[in-house]
């Protein structure tokens, strides 16, 4: 278990008391316990205007940079909510956000492999190295000899494919 806590270090307790379970209620309740249970059940009903959304709380608790980059999809969610419902609009917003990040990551990876590969003429860049396939006794190709025969085959970084125009 990590250092974080769902209850902030306080032991969790049920606010319904011991009468949340039907068996406990059947054992008998005093008049004070009945009044407590009745009030607790009454408190569970939300008012028609709840849950309330207070924009000032959102502004006070959210970083301005985060509000800036979330604004376009927040506006989309507001437009979709009347027609789709709150949960469907939130789900659609979530899918659009995550898929756009995935597409950006794919494009960034493609760009780096295409234009910033680690070749002989630069020190930086991404490199993909493949291991030789395993070859065990009993395989038809055993013992498989390496296809790298010269020392330059191990780290040429594409230099062996360069044609010099003299």
C-alpha atoms as a PDB file:
ATOM      1  CA  UNK A   1       0.000   0.000   0.000  1.00  0.00           C
ATOM      2  CA  UNK A   2       1.314   3.448  -0.900  1.00  0.00           C
ATOM      3  CA  UNK A   3       1.659   6.494   1.286  1.00  0.00           C
ATOM      4  CA  UNK A   4      -1.490   8.074  -0.069  1.00  0.00           C
ATOM      5  CA  UNK A   5      -4.756   7.600   1.789  1.00  0.00           C
ATOM      6  CA  UNK A   6      -8.367   7.838   0.655  1.00  0.00           C
ATOM      7  CA  UNK A   7      -9.409   9.169   4.069  1.00  0.00           C
ATOM      8  CA  UNK A   8      -6.469  11.448   4.835  1.00  0.00           C
ATOM      9  CA  UNK A   9      -5.185   9.209   7.603  1.00  0.00           C
ATOM     10  CA  UNK A  10      -8.520   9.057   9.453  1.00  0.00           C
ATOM     11  CA  UNK A  11     -10.112   5.662   9.945  1.00  0.00           C
ATOM     12  CA  UNK A  12     -13.164   5.316   7.675  1.00  0.00           C
ATOM     13  CA  UNK A  13     -16.577   5.063   9.287  1.00  0.00           C
ATOM     14  CA  UNK A  14     -20.087   4.562   7.985  1.00  0.00           C
ATOM     15  CA  UNK A  15     -22.236   7.669   8.426  1.00  0.00           C
ATOM     16  CA  UNK A  16     -25.380   5.524   8.314  1.00  0.00           C
ATOM     17  CA  UNK A  17     -24.492   4.048  11.685  1.00  0.00           C
ATOM     18  CA  UNK A  18     -25.148   0.446  12.541  1.00  0.00           C
ATOM     19  CA  UNK A  19     -28.687   0.601  11.121  1.00  0.00           C
ATOM     20  CA  UNK A  20     -27.522   0.605   7.515  1.00  0.00           C
ATOM     21  CA  UNK A  21     -27.874  -3.187   7.568  1.00  0.00           C
ATOM     22  CA  UNK A  22     -31.356  -4.684   7.668  1.00  0.00           C
ATOM     23  CA  UNK A  23     -30.379  -7.315  10.214  1.00  0.00           C
ATOM     24  CA  UNK A  24     -29.304  -4.626  12.686  1.00  0.00           C
ATOM     25  CA  UNK A  25     -32.617  -2.799  12.243  1.00  0.00           C
ATOM     26  CA  UNK A  26     -34.571  -5.998  12.869  1.00  0.00           C
ATOM     27  CA  UNK A  27     -32.818  -6.525  16.201  1.00  0.00           C
ATOM     28  CA  UNK A  28     -34.683  -3.512  17.546  1.00  0.00           C
ATOM     29  CA  UNK A  29     -34.340   0.257  17.564  1.00  0.00           C
ATOM     30  CA  UNK A  30     -35.073   2.836  20.228  1.00  0.00           C
ATOM     31  CA  UNK A  31     -37.155   5.932  19.441  1.00  0.00           C
ATOM     32  CA  UNK A  32     -33.983   8.057  19.303  1.00  0.00           C
ATOM     33  CA  UNK A  33     -32.412   5.625  16.843  1.00  0.00           C
ATOM     34  CA  UNK A  34     -35.590   5.633  14.720  1.00  0.00           C
ATOM     35  CA  UNK A  35     -35.528   9.445  14.607  1.00  0.00           C
ATOM     36  CA  UNK A  36     -31.822   9.381  13.654  1.00  0.00           C
ATOM     37  CA  UNK A  37     -32.480   6.851  10.847  1.00  0.00           C
ATOM     38  CA  UNK A  38     -35.478   8.812   9.575  1.00  0.00           C
ATOM     39  CA  UNK A  39     -33.433  12.022   9.450  1.00  0.00           C
ATOM     40  CA  UNK A  40     -30.524  10.227   7.781  1.00  0.00           C
ATOM     41  CA  UNK A  41     -32.809   8.819   5.050  1.00  0.00           C
ATOM     42  CA  UNK A  42     -34.344  12.272   4.539  1.00  0.00           C
ATOM     43  CA  UNK A  43     -30.862  13.789   4.182  1.00  0.00           C
ATOM     44  CA  UNK A  44     -30.011  11.379   1.373  1.00  0.00           C
ATOM     45  CA  UNK A  45     -32.504  13.052  -1.018  1.00  0.00           C
ATOM     46  CA  UNK A  46     -30.983  15.792  -3.123  1.00  0.00           C
ATOM     47  CA  UNK A  47     -32.707  19.068  -3.820  1.00  0.00           C
ATOM     48  CA  UNK A  48     -33.875  19.596  -7.423  1.00  0.00           C
ATOM     49  CA  UNK A  49     -31.023  22.052  -8.082  1.00  0.00           C
ATOM     50  CA  UNK A  50     -28.286  19.703  -6.827  1.00  0.00           C
ATOM     51  CA  UNK A  51     -25.523  18.967  -7.563  1.00  0.00           C
ATOM     52  CA  UNK A  52     -24.700  22.633  -7.960  1.00  0.00           C
ATOM     53  CA  UNK A  53     -21.911  23.791 -10.232  1.00  0.00           C
ATOM     54  CA  UNK A  54     -20.114  26.875  -8.928  1.00  0.00           C
ATOM     55  CA  UNK A  55     -17.780  28.356 -11.572  1.00  0.00           C
ATOM     56  CA  UNK A  56     -15.836  30.345  -8.961  1.00  0.00           C
ATOM     57  CA  UNK A  57     -14.786  27.126  -7.216  1.00  0.00           C
ATOM     58  CA  UNK A  58     -13.539  25.702 -10.533  1.00  0.00           C
ATOM     59  CA  UNK A  59     -11.529  28.879 -11.183  1.00  0.00           C
ATOM     60  CA  UNK A  60     -10.124  28.976  -7.652  1.00  0.00           C
ATOM     61  CA  UNK A  61      -9.035  25.324  -7.593  1.00  0.00           C
ATOM     62  CA  UNK A  62      -7.818  24.825 -11.179  1.00  0.00           C
ATOM     63  CA  UNK A  63      -4.530  25.989 -12.638  1.00  0.00           C
ATOM     64  CA  UNK A  64      -4.983  28.721 -15.320  1.00  0.00           C
ATOM     65  CA  UNK A  65      -2.819  26.795 -17.798  1.00  0.00           C
ATOM     66  CA  UNK A  66      -4.969  23.701 -17.317  1.00  0.00           C
ATOM     67  CA  UNK A  67      -8.140  25.763 -17.794  1.00  0.00           C
ATOM     68  CA  UNK A  68      -6.638  27.157 -21.014  1.00  0.00           C
ATOM     69  CA  UNK A  69      -5.880  23.817 -22.676  1.00  0.00           C
ATOM     70  CA  UNK A  70      -9.125  22.227 -21.440  1.00  0.00           C
ATOM     71  CA  UNK A  71     -11.308  25.082 -22.725  1.00  0.00           C
ATOM     72  CA  UNK A  72     -11.984  23.762 -26.279  1.00  0.00           C
ATOM     73  CA  UNK A  73     -13.194  20.351 -25.102  1.00  0.00           C
ATOM     74  CA  UNK A  74     -15.111  21.937 -22.207  1.00  0.00           C
ATOM     75  CA  UNK A  75     -17.056  23.962 -24.771  1.00  0.00           C
ATOM     76  CA  UNK A  76     -17.694  20.826 -26.835  1.00  0.00           C
ATOM     77  CA  UNK A  77     -18.928  19.016 -23.731  1.00  0.00           C
ATOM     78  CA  UNK A  78     -21.321  21.906 -22.933  1.00  0.00           C
ATOM     79  CA  UNK A  79     -22.741  21.717 -26.474  1.00  0.00           C
ATOM     80  CA  UNK A  80     -23.147  17.923 -26.343  1.00  0.00           C
ATOM     81  CA  UNK A  81     -24.662  17.689 -22.846  1.00  0.00           C
ATOM     82  CA  UNK A  82     -28.257  18.716 -23.737  1.00  0.00           C
ATOM     83  CA  UNK A  83     -28.512  16.201 -26.561  1.00  0.00           C
ATOM     84  CA  UNK A  84     -26.429  13.293 -25.196  1.00  0.00           C
ATOM     85  CA  UNK A  85     -26.693  13.630 -21.446  1.00  0.00           C
ATOM     86  CA  UNK A  86     -23.950  14.446 -18.958  1.00  0.00           C
ATOM     87  CA  UNK A  87     -22.257  11.043 -18.756  1.00  0.00           C
ATOM     88  CA  UNK A  88     -22.229  10.447 -22.526  1.00  0.00           C
ATOM     89  CA  UNK A  89     -20.871  13.955 -23.145  1.00  0.00           C
ATOM     90  CA  UNK A  90     -18.104  13.412 -20.578  1.00  0.00           C
ATOM     91  CA  UNK A  91     -17.257  10.034 -22.118  1.00  0.00           C
ATOM     92  CA  UNK A  92     -17.141  11.541 -25.631  1.00  0.00           C
ATOM     93  CA  UNK A  93     -14.898  14.346 -24.377  1.00  0.00           C
ATOM     94  CA  UNK A  94     -12.613  11.791 -22.727  1.00  0.00           C
ATOM     95  CA  UNK A  95     -12.362   9.630 -25.865  1.00  0.00           C
ATOM     96  CA  UNK A  96     -11.636  12.631 -28.094  1.00  0.00           C
ATOM     97  CA  UNK A  97      -8.928  13.912 -25.728  1.00  0.00           C
ATOM     98  CA  UNK A  98      -7.178  10.570 -25.298  1.00  0.00           C
ATOM     99  CA  UNK A  99      -7.344   9.634 -28.982  1.00  0.00           C
ATOM    100  CA  UNK A 100      -5.933  13.027 -30.019  1.00  0.00           C
ATOM    101  CA  UNK A 101      -3.015  12.539 -27.606  1.00  0.00           C
ATOM    102  CA  UNK A 102      -2.451   9.048 -29.024  1.00  0.00           C
ATOM    103  CA  UNK A 103      -2.454  10.385 -32.601  1.00  0.00           C
ATOM    104  CA  UNK A 104       0.006  13.135 -31.631  1.00  0.00           C
ATOM    105  CA  UNK A 105       2.305  10.557 -30.015  1.00  0.00           C
ATOM    106  CA  UNK A 106       2.188   8.375 -33.146  1.00  0.00           C
ATOM    107  CA  UNK A 107       2.973  11.355 -35.392  1.00  0.00           C
ATOM    108  CA  UNK A 108       5.831  12.477 -33.120  1.00  0.00           C
ATOM    109  CA  UNK A 109       7.313   8.985 -33.130  1.00  0.00           C
ATOM    110  CA  UNK A 110       7.031   8.715 -36.910  1.00  0.00           C
ATOM    111  CA  UNK A 111       8.612  12.171 -37.353  1.00  0.00           C
ATOM    112  CA  UNK A 112      11.544  11.330 -35.078  1.00  0.00           C
ATOM    113  CA  UNK A 113      12.243   8.024 -36.801  1.00  0.00           C
ATOM    114  CA  UNK A 114      11.988   9.587 -40.253  1.00  0.00           C
ATOM    115  CA  UNK A 115      13.913  12.849 -39.769  1.00  0.00           C
ATOM    116  CA  UNK A 116      16.037  12.332 -36.635  1.00  0.00           C
ATOM    117  CA  UNK A 117      17.369   8.810 -36.933  1.00  0.00           C
ATOM    118  CA  UNK A 118      20.723   7.969 -35.373  1.00  0.00           C
ATOM    119  CA  UNK A 119      23.047   7.751 -38.347  1.00  0.00           C
ATOM    120  CA  UNK A 120      26.762   8.283 -38.894  1.00  0.00           C
ATOM    121  CA  UNK A 121      26.509  12.043 -39.493  1.00  0.00           C
ATOM    122  CA  UNK A 122      24.917  12.948 -36.124  1.00  0.00           C
ATOM    123  CA  UNK A 123      25.374  12.072 -32.469  1.00  0.00           C
ATOM    124  CA  UNK A 124      21.747  12.149 -31.392  1.00  0.00           C
ATOM    125  CA  UNK A 125      18.616  10.415 -32.583  1.00  0.00           C
ATOM    126  CA  UNK A 126      16.587   7.317 -31.995  1.00  0.00           C
ATOM    127  CA  UNK A 127      18.082   3.918 -32.673  1.00  0.00           C
ATOM    128  CA  UNK A 128      16.336   0.600 -33.110  1.00  0.00           C
ATOM    129  CA  UNK A 129      18.508  -2.414 -32.509  1.00  0.00           C
ATOM    130  CA  UNK A 130      17.252  -5.917 -33.146  1.00  0.00           C
ATOM    131  CA  UNK A 131      18.623  -8.977 -31.450  1.00  0.00           C
ATOM    132  CA  UNK A 132      19.450 -12.061 -33.415  1.00  0.00           C
ATOM    133  CA  UNK A 133      16.683 -14.648 -33.418  1.00  0.00           C
ATOM    134  CA  UNK A 134      17.223 -17.511 -30.991  1.00  0.00           C
ATOM    135  CA  UNK A 135      18.583 -20.721 -32.454  1.00  0.00           C
ATOM    136  CA  UNK A 136      18.525 -23.816 -30.250  1.00  0.00           C
ATOM    137  CA  UNK A 137      19.995 -27.294 -30.701  1.00  0.00           C
ATOM    138  CA  UNK A 138      17.585 -29.282 -32.819  1.00  0.00           C
ATOM    139  CA  UNK A 139      16.662 -26.336 -35.061  1.00  0.00           C
ATOM    140  CA  UNK A 140      17.417 -26.951 -38.762  1.00  0.00           C
ATOM    141  CA  UNK A 141      19.721 -23.899 -38.886  1.00  0.00           C
ATOM    142  CA  UNK A 142      21.700 -24.816 -35.736  1.00  0.00           C
ATOM    143  CA  UNK A 143      24.468 -23.675 -35.272  1.00  0.00           C
ATOM    144  CA  UNK A 144      23.509 -20.398 -36.894  1.00  0.00           C
ATOM    145  CA  UNK A 145      26.468 -18.204 -37.737  1.00  0.00           C
ATOM    146  CA  UNK A 146      26.151 -14.449 -37.383  1.00  0.00           C
ATOM    147  CA  UNK A 147      25.561 -12.466 -40.541  1.00  0.00           C
ATOM    148  CA  UNK A 148      28.002  -9.866 -39.204  1.00  0.00           C
ATOM    149  CA  UNK A 149      31.390 -10.825 -40.529  1.00  0.00           C
ATOM    150  CA  UNK A 150      33.443  -7.607 -40.322  1.00  0.00           C
ATOM    151  CA  UNK A 151      33.911  -5.357 -37.279  1.00  0.00           C
ATOM    152  CA  UNK A 152      32.305  -2.489 -39.215  1.00  0.00           C
ATOM    153  CA  UNK A 153      29.048  -4.437 -39.388  1.00  0.00           C
ATOM    154  CA  UNK A 154      28.432  -3.934 -35.689  1.00  0.00           C
ATOM    155  CA  UNK A 155      28.120  -0.145 -35.626  1.00  0.00           C
ATOM    156  CA  UNK A 156      28.113   1.294 -39.114  1.00  0.00           C
ATOM    157  CA  UNK A 157      25.116   3.603 -38.505  1.00  0.00           C
ATOM    158  CA  UNK A 158      24.437   3.651 -42.231  1.00  0.00           C
ATOM    159  CA  UNK A 159      27.993   4.724 -43.208  1.00  0.00           C
ATOM    160  CA  UNK A 160      28.426   1.617 -45.348  1.00  0.00           C
ATOM    161  CA  UNK A 161      25.515   2.778 -47.569  1.00  0.00           C
ATOM    162  CA  UNK A 162      27.097   6.173 -48.342  1.00  0.00           C
ATOM    163  CA  UNK A 163      28.275   6.743 -51.899  1.00  0.00           C
ATOM    164  CA  UNK A 164      31.099   9.222 -52.309  1.00  0.00           C
ATOM    165  CA  UNK A 165      31.117  11.521 -55.316  1.00  0.00           C
ATOM    166  CA  UNK A 166      34.761  12.393 -55.927  1.00  0.00           C
END
